Protein backbone atom coordinates (compact mmCIF):
# COMPACT_ATOMS: atom_id res chain seq x y z
CA MET A 1 72.57 144.59 193.06
CA LYS A 2 70.16 144.14 189.48
CA HIS A 3 73.01 143.94 186.72
CA VAL A 4 70.87 143.18 184.36
CA SER A 5 66.76 143.19 183.15
CA PHE A 6 65.09 140.84 181.51
CA SER A 7 61.25 140.63 180.29
CA GLY A 8 61.44 137.04 178.31
CA ARG A 9 60.33 134.30 179.87
CA LEU A 10 62.64 131.98 182.03
CA VAL A 11 62.42 128.39 182.08
CA ILE A 12 64.59 126.25 184.33
CA VAL A 13 65.49 122.49 183.90
CA GLY A 14 65.86 120.86 186.67
CA PHE A 15 65.45 121.93 190.18
CA GLY A 16 67.69 119.96 192.56
CA SER A 17 70.80 121.64 194.61
CA ILE A 18 71.94 123.87 192.12
CA GLY A 19 68.40 124.86 190.30
CA GLN A 20 67.48 125.78 194.13
CA GLY A 21 70.44 127.54 195.25
CA VAL A 22 70.19 129.73 191.80
CA LEU A 23 66.79 131.07 192.11
CA PRO A 24 67.23 133.13 194.77
CA LEU A 25 70.09 134.78 193.31
CA ILE A 26 68.34 135.48 189.99
CA LEU A 27 65.47 137.02 191.49
CA HIS A 28 68.34 139.45 193.47
CA HIS A 29 69.98 140.49 190.82
CA ILE A 30 68.45 140.06 187.39
CA ASP A 31 65.01 142.52 187.17
CA ILE A 32 62.49 139.57 185.84
CA ASP A 33 59.15 138.84 186.74
CA ALA A 34 58.57 135.74 188.90
CA THR A 35 55.55 135.27 187.20
CA LYS A 36 57.71 134.33 183.69
CA ILE A 37 59.44 131.84 185.67
CA THR A 38 58.80 127.89 185.53
CA ILE A 39 60.80 125.15 187.04
CA VAL A 40 60.65 122.05 184.89
CA THR A 41 61.69 119.50 187.14
CA ALA A 42 61.71 115.62 187.69
CA GLU A 43 60.79 115.06 191.01
CA GLU A 44 59.04 117.05 193.95
CA ARG A 45 61.95 118.34 195.77
CA GLY A 46 61.72 121.63 195.63
CA ARG A 47 58.53 122.70 195.80
CA GLU A 48 58.22 124.40 198.60
CA GLU A 49 61.26 127.09 197.72
CA ALA A 50 59.12 127.48 194.51
CA ASN A 51 55.81 128.42 195.98
CA GLU A 52 57.79 130.83 198.74
CA TYR A 53 58.93 132.67 195.35
CA ASN A 54 55.68 132.27 193.83
CA ILE A 55 57.13 130.47 191.00
CA ARG A 56 55.17 127.82 188.52
CA PHE A 57 56.45 124.25 189.57
CA ILE A 58 55.93 121.30 186.59
CA CYS A 59 57.09 118.25 188.20
CA GLU A 60 57.58 115.99 185.17
CA PRO A 61 60.52 114.03 183.86
CA LEU A 62 62.07 115.35 180.31
CA THR A 63 62.91 112.43 178.19
CA PRO A 64 63.47 111.94 174.16
CA ALA A 65 59.70 111.50 174.06
CA ASN A 66 58.43 114.66 175.37
CA TYR A 67 60.45 117.13 175.90
CA ARG A 68 59.48 118.88 172.71
CA ARG A 69 55.59 118.43 173.98
CA VAL A 70 56.56 119.83 177.65
CA LEU A 71 58.86 122.66 176.70
CA ASP A 72 57.30 124.32 173.38
CA PRO A 73 54.34 126.36 175.01
CA LEU A 74 56.77 127.54 177.62
CA LEU A 75 59.40 129.10 175.45
CA SER A 76 59.30 131.48 172.22
CA ASN A 77 62.09 133.45 170.86
CA GLY A 78 63.99 135.87 173.03
CA ASP A 79 63.10 133.49 176.16
CA PHE A 80 66.05 131.69 178.39
CA LEU A 81 66.38 128.03 179.23
CA LEU A 82 68.94 127.30 182.61
CA ASN A 83 69.25 123.51 182.39
CA VAL A 84 70.83 122.60 185.82
CA SER A 85 69.55 118.69 185.33
CA VAL A 86 70.74 115.48 185.21
CA ASP A 87 69.27 113.09 182.65
CA VAL A 88 68.25 115.51 179.87
CA SER A 89 70.09 115.36 176.96
CA SER A 90 72.03 118.90 176.58
CA VAL A 91 72.62 118.53 173.07
CA ALA A 92 68.70 118.19 172.40
CA LEU A 93 67.83 121.34 174.58
CA ILE A 94 70.68 123.54 172.49
CA GLU A 95 69.07 122.43 169.22
CA PHE A 96 65.16 122.75 170.60
CA CYS A 97 66.82 126.18 172.04
CA ARG A 98 68.54 127.00 168.55
CA GLU A 99 65.00 126.31 166.11
CA ARG A 100 63.12 128.86 168.39
CA GLY A 101 65.76 131.52 169.12
CA VAL A 102 65.71 130.76 172.61
CA LEU A 103 69.12 131.57 174.98
CA TYR A 104 70.64 128.61 176.77
CA LEU A 105 73.09 127.63 179.39
CA ASP A 106 73.90 124.92 181.11
CA THR A 107 76.38 123.76 184.13
CA CYS A 108 77.73 120.24 182.02
CA ILE A 109 76.86 118.32 178.86
CA GLU A 110 74.44 115.44 180.01
CA PRO A 111 73.40 112.44 178.28
CA TRP A 112 70.02 111.58 178.30
CA ALA A 113 69.19 108.65 181.52
CA GLY A 114 71.52 105.96 181.18
CA GLY A 115 74.25 107.21 178.54
CA TYR A 116 76.71 107.59 181.48
CA THR A 117 76.87 103.96 181.96
CA ASP A 118 75.54 102.39 178.19
CA THR A 119 78.35 99.53 177.92
CA SER A 120 76.56 98.99 174.98
CA LEU A 121 79.11 102.24 173.62
CA SER A 122 83.08 102.21 173.78
CA PRO A 123 84.74 104.09 177.05
CA SER A 124 85.34 106.73 174.13
CA LEU A 125 81.66 106.79 173.37
CA ARG A 126 80.50 107.41 177.20
CA SER A 127 83.87 109.98 177.95
CA ASN A 128 82.84 114.18 178.18
CA TYR A 129 85.53 114.35 175.20
CA ALA A 130 81.87 112.89 173.01
CA LEU A 131 79.83 114.78 175.00
CA ARG A 132 81.71 117.91 173.99
CA GLU A 133 82.73 117.43 170.88
CA THR A 134 79.00 116.59 169.45
CA ALA A 135 77.92 120.07 171.19
CA LEU A 136 80.87 121.53 169.39
CA LYS A 137 79.20 120.66 166.21
CA LEU A 138 76.31 122.92 166.83
CA ARG A 139 78.82 126.11 166.69
CA SER A 140 77.53 129.02 164.66
CA SER A 141 78.35 132.38 163.99
CA ASP A 142 74.62 134.10 164.18
CA ALA A 143 73.14 131.83 166.31
CA PRO A 144 71.54 132.48 170.20
CA THR A 145 73.83 132.41 172.97
CA ALA A 146 74.44 128.68 173.85
CA VAL A 147 77.07 128.78 177.04
CA ILE A 148 77.75 125.30 177.66
CA THR A 149 79.54 123.99 181.19
CA HIS A 150 79.50 127.07 183.07
CA GLY A 151 79.37 125.93 186.68
CA ALA A 152 82.29 126.35 189.65
CA ASN A 153 84.15 123.51 187.63
CA PRO A 154 83.52 123.47 184.58
CA GLY A 155 82.90 127.03 184.34
CA LEU A 156 84.39 129.65 187.19
CA VAL A 157 87.94 127.44 186.91
CA SER A 158 88.36 128.79 183.61
CA HIS A 159 88.67 132.01 184.44
CA PHE A 160 90.52 131.39 187.44
CA VAL A 161 93.06 129.87 185.18
CA LYS A 162 93.57 133.56 182.68
CA ARG A 163 93.81 135.40 186.34
CA ALA A 164 96.36 132.50 187.65
CA LEU A 165 98.36 133.48 184.27
CA LEU A 166 98.45 137.31 184.88
CA ASP A 167 99.33 136.45 188.42
CA ILE A 168 102.22 134.40 187.16
CA ALA A 169 103.61 136.54 184.63
CA ARG A 170 103.88 140.00 186.96
CA ASP A 171 105.30 138.02 190.11
CA THR A 172 108.34 136.68 187.52
CA GLY A 173 108.67 140.04 185.93
CA VAL A 174 106.92 139.43 182.72
CA GLU A 175 105.99 142.08 181.00
CA VAL A 176 102.75 141.10 179.12
CA ALA A 177 99.36 143.25 178.45
CA LYS A 178 95.89 140.99 179.19
CA PRO A 179 96.02 138.86 176.12
CA ALA A 180 93.14 139.61 173.60
CA SER A 181 93.20 136.29 171.86
CA ARG A 182 93.21 132.76 172.15
CA GLN A 183 96.38 132.86 170.13
CA GLN A 184 97.87 135.19 172.72
CA TRP A 185 96.70 133.39 175.83
CA ALA A 186 98.19 130.65 174.93
CA GLU A 187 101.59 131.76 173.83
CA LEU A 188 101.71 133.43 177.23
CA MET A 189 101.04 130.21 178.80
CA ALA A 190 103.95 128.69 176.95
CA ALA A 191 106.14 131.67 177.64
CA LEU A 192 105.21 131.22 181.56
CA SER A 193 106.09 127.43 181.03
CA VAL A 194 103.18 126.64 182.66
CA LYS A 195 103.03 122.44 182.17
CA VAL A 196 100.33 121.27 184.12
CA ILE A 197 97.20 122.85 185.81
CA HIS A 198 95.10 120.77 188.48
CA ILE A 199 91.72 122.10 189.38
CA ALA A 200 92.42 121.31 192.56
CA GLU A 201 89.56 120.93 195.29
CA ARG A 202 88.92 120.07 198.74
CA ASP A 203 85.37 119.90 200.15
CA THR A 204 85.94 120.30 204.36
CA GLN A 205 82.11 120.29 205.12
CA VAL A 206 80.90 117.55 207.78
CA ALA A 207 77.17 116.96 209.12
CA ASN A 208 75.72 116.28 212.57
CA GLU A 209 74.39 113.21 211.07
CA PRO A 210 77.19 110.62 209.76
CA LYS A 211 77.02 108.82 206.76
CA ARG A 212 75.40 105.44 207.15
CA VAL A 213 75.46 102.10 205.91
CA GLY A 214 73.99 101.52 202.60
CA GLU A 215 73.62 105.78 201.84
CA PHE A 216 75.30 108.16 199.30
CA VAL A 217 75.81 111.67 200.87
CA ASN A 218 77.30 114.59 199.21
CA THR A 219 77.05 118.38 199.40
CA TRP A 220 75.93 118.67 195.96
CA SER A 221 74.29 116.62 193.06
CA ILE A 222 74.54 113.25 194.05
CA ASP A 223 72.95 111.40 190.58
CA GLY A 224 75.79 114.13 188.78
CA PHE A 225 78.51 113.23 191.01
CA VAL A 226 77.98 109.31 190.66
CA GLY A 227 77.23 109.50 187.08
CA GLU A 228 80.51 111.70 186.07
CA GLY A 229 82.24 109.32 188.79
CA CYS A 230 81.35 106.18 186.54
CA GLN A 231 83.05 107.74 183.26
CA PRO A 232 86.48 107.13 182.15
CA ALA A 233 88.88 109.17 184.03
CA GLU A 234 89.90 112.02 181.62
CA LEU A 235 92.64 114.63 181.12
CA GLY A 236 93.82 116.85 178.81
CA TRP A 237 96.95 115.97 177.43
CA GLY A 238 100.36 117.91 177.65
CA SER A 239 103.01 118.44 174.74
CA HIS A 240 105.47 117.66 177.50
CA GLU A 241 104.16 113.84 178.43
CA THR A 242 106.39 111.35 176.92
CA ALA A 243 104.46 108.11 177.04
CA LEU A 244 100.67 107.17 177.21
CA PRO A 245 99.82 105.71 181.15
CA PRO A 246 99.76 101.81 181.15
CA ASP A 247 95.98 102.09 180.21
CA GLY A 248 95.78 105.66 178.81
CA ARG A 249 94.31 105.15 175.14
CA ARG A 250 93.93 108.51 173.13
CA HIS A 251 90.38 108.85 170.86
CA GLU A 252 89.83 108.17 167.42
CA PHE A 253 88.12 111.34 166.65
CA GLY A 254 87.95 115.30 167.24
CA GLY A 255 90.57 117.73 168.34
CA ASP A 256 92.59 115.02 170.15
CA ALA A 257 93.09 117.60 173.04
CA ALA A 258 92.55 114.80 175.80
CA ILE A 259 92.93 111.06 176.47
CA TYR A 260 91.12 108.75 178.73
CA LEU A 261 91.92 105.80 181.38
CA MET A 262 90.37 102.66 181.05
CA ARG A 263 88.55 102.86 184.61
CA PRO A 264 86.60 104.83 186.46
CA GLY A 265 87.24 108.45 187.48
CA ALA A 266 86.05 107.41 191.07
CA SER A 267 88.45 104.79 191.48
CA THR A 268 91.43 106.93 189.62
CA GLN A 269 93.62 109.07 192.56
CA VAL A 270 96.33 111.68 191.78
CA ARG A 271 98.56 113.74 194.01
CA THR A 272 97.52 117.39 194.17
CA TRP A 273 97.92 120.65 196.51
CA THR A 274 95.80 123.16 198.04
CA PRO A 275 97.28 126.43 200.56
CA LEU A 276 95.26 125.52 203.35
CA GLU A 277 94.85 121.48 203.46
CA GLY A 278 98.73 121.04 202.04
CA PRO A 279 99.17 117.61 199.70
CA PHE A 280 96.24 115.12 199.35
CA HIS A 281 95.46 112.22 197.18
CA GLY A 282 92.26 113.66 194.78
CA PHE A 283 89.89 111.72 192.31
CA LEU A 284 90.65 112.19 189.15
CA ILE A 285 86.84 112.73 187.98
CA THR A 286 86.36 113.39 184.38
CA HIS A 287 85.30 116.97 183.99
CA SER A 288 84.95 119.60 180.62
CA GLU A 289 87.39 121.59 181.86
CA ALA A 290 89.87 119.45 181.42
CA ILE A 291 89.69 119.28 177.97
CA SER A 292 88.23 122.70 176.83
CA ILE A 293 91.40 124.55 179.20
CA ALA A 294 94.20 122.09 177.18
CA ASP A 295 92.34 122.63 174.41
CA TYR A 296 92.29 126.55 174.50
CA PHE A 297 95.80 126.92 175.39
CA THR A 298 97.17 124.59 172.41
CA LEU A 299 99.24 125.94 169.80
CA LYS A 300 100.20 124.36 166.87
CA ASP A 301 103.04 125.00 163.75
CA GLY A 302 101.55 123.64 160.83
CA GLY A 303 100.01 120.60 161.72
CA GLY A 304 102.62 119.57 164.64
CA LEU A 305 101.62 120.24 168.29
CA ARG A 306 103.90 123.12 169.79
CA PHE A 307 102.56 123.07 173.17
CA ARG A 308 99.69 121.99 175.79
CA PRO A 309 99.11 121.82 179.43
CA THR A 310 98.05 118.45 180.93
CA VAL A 311 94.75 119.45 182.80
CA HIS A 312 92.55 117.34 185.12
CA TYR A 313 90.52 117.49 188.04
CA ALA A 314 91.93 116.49 191.28
CA TYR A 315 89.18 116.31 194.10
CA HIS A 316 89.07 114.96 197.36
CA PRO A 317 85.17 115.89 198.28
CA CYS A 318 83.57 116.08 202.00
CA ASP A 319 84.69 112.97 204.02
CA ASP A 320 81.11 111.05 203.81
CA ALA A 321 81.15 111.44 200.13
CA VAL A 322 84.79 109.69 199.97
CA LEU A 323 83.30 106.92 202.40
CA SER A 324 80.04 106.77 199.81
CA LEU A 325 82.65 106.19 196.87
CA HIS A 326 84.12 103.29 198.33
CA GLU A 327 81.44 101.74 199.25
CA LEU A 328 79.71 102.52 195.56
CA ALA A 329 82.86 100.99 194.26
CA GLY A 330 82.35 98.26 196.45
CA LYS A 331 79.29 97.15 194.98
CA GLY A 332 80.28 96.73 191.65
CA TRP A 333 79.32 100.58 190.53
CA HIS A 334 75.47 100.29 191.72
CA MET A 335 73.86 103.44 193.71
CA GLN A 336 72.82 103.03 196.76
CA GLU A 337 69.60 103.21 197.62
CA GLU A 338 69.61 105.69 199.99
CA GLN A 339 70.66 109.15 199.22
CA ARG A 340 71.36 112.79 201.42
CA LEU A 341 72.09 115.85 200.08
CA LEU A 342 73.47 117.60 202.89
CA MET A 343 72.56 121.10 203.78
CA ASN A 344 70.74 122.51 206.95
CA GLU A 345 72.55 119.96 208.78
CA ILE A 346 76.16 121.08 208.10
CA VAL A 347 77.86 122.18 210.84
CA ALA A 348 81.11 123.19 209.88
CA GLY A 349 83.73 123.09 207.46
CA SER A 350 84.75 125.03 203.53
CA ASP A 351 85.40 123.97 199.75
CA GLU A 352 88.48 125.07 199.08
CA LEU A 353 88.19 125.47 195.14
CA GLY A 354 90.96 126.45 192.58
CA VAL A 355 93.49 125.95 189.99
CA LEU A 356 97.06 124.40 190.50
CA LEU A 357 99.68 126.42 187.70
CA MET A 358 102.95 124.14 187.78
CA GLY A 359 106.19 124.16 186.16
CA HIS A 360 106.89 127.86 185.58
CA ALA A 361 109.67 129.52 187.22
CA LYS A 362 107.86 129.96 190.74
CA GLY A 363 107.21 126.08 190.85
CA ALA A 364 103.31 125.86 192.04
CA TYR A 365 100.76 128.39 192.51
CA TRP A 366 97.09 127.80 193.50
CA TYR A 367 94.51 130.58 193.27
CA GLY A 368 90.70 130.26 193.88
CA SER A 369 88.00 130.52 196.68
CA ARG A 370 87.68 129.36 200.24
CA LEU A 371 84.11 129.71 200.81
CA SER A 372 83.33 128.26 204.58
CA ILE A 373 79.58 127.09 205.44
CA GLY A 374 79.15 130.26 207.66
CA GLU A 375 80.07 132.58 205.05
CA ALA A 376 77.82 130.52 201.97
CA ARG A 377 74.95 131.05 204.59
CA ARG A 378 74.95 134.52 205.10
CA LEU A 379 75.67 135.61 201.38
CA ALA A 380 72.42 133.27 200.06
CA PRO A 381 69.21 130.98 201.57
CA TYR A 382 69.25 127.56 199.60
CA ASN A 383 72.96 127.00 199.66
CA ASN A 384 76.06 125.26 201.24
CA ALA A 385 79.54 126.41 200.53
CA THR A 386 80.06 123.78 197.63
CA SER A 387 76.53 124.65 195.90
CA LEU A 388 77.38 128.42 196.10
CA GLN A 389 80.60 128.33 194.07
CA VAL A 390 78.16 126.89 191.46
CA THR A 391 75.73 128.99 191.24
CA ILE A 392 76.75 132.13 191.46
CA ALA A 393 79.02 131.06 188.53
CA VAL A 394 75.79 130.30 186.56
CA LEU A 395 74.08 133.68 187.77
CA ALA A 396 77.24 135.33 186.30
CA ALA A 397 76.89 132.93 183.02
CA MET A 398 73.26 134.24 182.92
CA ILE A 399 73.99 137.61 183.34
CA TRP A 400 76.71 137.15 180.31
CA THR A 401 74.46 135.69 177.85
CA LEU A 402 72.16 138.23 178.63
CA GLU A 403 74.27 141.05 177.40
CA ASN A 404 75.92 139.04 174.37
CA PRO A 405 72.26 137.15 172.96
CA ARG A 406 73.88 136.02 169.40
CA VAL A 407 76.80 133.85 169.69
CA GLY A 408 76.12 130.65 169.32
CA VAL A 409 77.57 127.76 171.45
CA ILE A 410 80.40 129.01 173.28
CA GLU A 411 82.51 127.25 176.33
CA PRO A 412 84.03 129.47 179.66
CA ASP A 413 87.39 129.74 178.04
CA GLU A 414 86.14 131.79 175.47
CA ILE A 415 84.05 134.39 177.85
CA ASP A 416 85.00 137.68 179.08
CA PHE A 417 87.21 136.15 182.26
CA GLU A 418 86.99 139.79 184.13
CA ARG A 419 83.54 140.24 183.78
CA ILE A 420 82.59 136.73 185.21
CA LEU A 421 84.99 137.23 188.29
CA ASP A 422 83.63 140.69 188.86
CA ILE A 423 79.73 139.39 189.73
CA CYS A 424 81.07 136.30 190.95
CA ARG A 425 83.93 137.84 193.85
CA PRO A 426 81.89 138.86 196.35
CA TYR A 427 80.14 135.36 196.94
CA LEU A 428 83.66 133.70 197.01
CA GLY A 429 84.45 133.92 200.51
CA LYS A 430 88.42 134.62 200.35
CA VAL A 431 89.90 134.80 197.14
CA VAL A 432 93.68 133.73 197.18
CA GLY A 433 96.90 133.58 195.17
CA ALA A 434 99.37 131.31 197.12
CA TYR A 435 102.97 129.97 195.45
CA SER A 436 104.13 126.87 196.83
CA ASP A 437 107.32 124.36 196.07
CA TRP A 438 105.24 121.24 196.17
CA THR A 439 105.68 118.85 193.18
CA PRO A 440 104.16 115.33 192.94
CA LEU A 441 107.71 113.68 193.67
CA GLN A 442 107.16 115.08 197.15
CA ASP A 443 107.78 112.24 199.65
CA ARG A 444 107.53 109.86 197.21
CA GLY A 445 109.58 106.99 197.91
CA ARG A 446 109.96 107.96 201.40
CA LEU A 447 108.63 104.36 202.53
CA PHE A 448 109.22 102.29 199.87
CA ALA A 449 111.69 103.06 196.66
CA GLU A 450 109.76 103.54 193.59
CA ASP A 451 111.30 104.22 190.08
CA LEU A 452 110.79 107.41 189.25
CA ASP A 453 111.97 110.17 186.36
CA ARG A 454 112.72 112.53 188.27
CA SER A 455 113.87 114.22 185.39
CA ASP A 456 110.85 116.63 184.71
CA PRO A 457 108.55 116.08 187.79
CA TRP A 458 105.55 117.33 185.87
CA GLN A 459 104.92 114.11 184.08
CA PHE A 460 101.81 112.61 184.31
CA LYS A 461 103.40 109.69 185.80
CA ASN A 462 104.61 111.35 188.76
CA PHE A 463 101.37 112.35 189.61
CA ARG A 464 99.65 108.96 189.23
CA VAL A 465 99.07 107.11 192.44
CA VAL A 466 100.41 103.38 191.55
């Protein structure tokens, strides 16, 4: 089914797991001439697939010194730049596209190479909070659409949150029309007493070849995962929180919707829950949705904060990736010499990705996608369960951008959630909503006594692994 036609040129920057996985979806669902597509990437990986679809392939890493020279002949007014790269500045590409009237979409806000671990910058300035603040300064009411941070998470999960809120309202007897503004969405969340949102994900995919010593193994971009894992742990900071964590810090600029911890996200674990896995420990990896969702659902009275949820990612990657992170940390956060992206060698497992909304009248509610490796392979080539949840969300945001070409820089939280979910749902496996009485205090202190604040189980100090 073709959702939309596009007669302009498309440049895909980066052609790793997400670029390779989204290309067949684009060709299947967007009426576009393949001869007008160009891939610009830093390595040879993926050339065979590009040749299969007769797509032009340019292997040349983009840098601050050459990106304009490389992209200038490829893009002009009305064209589209899809950025699924690492180590290429999103802000630089957004500015480039705005100057030329080019549509833009990315899955995360990237700095130039080395920006995630540049210790000449403070932890605050190495954060996703800082990258987001820089990108949002490019907002304009009449400019080519530039959708930022729209993959699975960040991206798709923001639409899950809105769907989950309407489900909770229905199931708790709160009569409400679909909110029509940011203010109305925030008022609904506050009225439902949602205090905490986890992006709760458990990846159980396994391969027929285990991780080897000195090798980093993952089901999606290894460079991307390591980069964000080495950034400070970050979370949107709720109005119900009474005190910062001992190593928590506020930023001294911007909207103040989030805090960071003085430690890498890949060394920080939190308690969370999904329907299939039950309770587990997830890594508090920084992601833009932790900040944008908290910001979007903020309510203020005058200059004072009235309501904001605590929001963060809680991620248990595939077991081989957990071993890879453990080894990475033990080597002082220096990347292993060998990397292996799992795709054809995966023999079983699924990715359970959703949002866990807690504190409301029914306790906890998880809403999201359960996608198995078998289902992913039946639905789209060049994908595993993890990548397909990302690539279908990229496609949906591309279609939305083509339908809404003049809104400037925009985040997933501001986009029509129903349109995105309608496009994505056929590719998400089982889309499930499940209630639970789980709280982060469950089984705490079972083996050793702990000093916990049981008056409010939803404070962050009750989620942390101490």
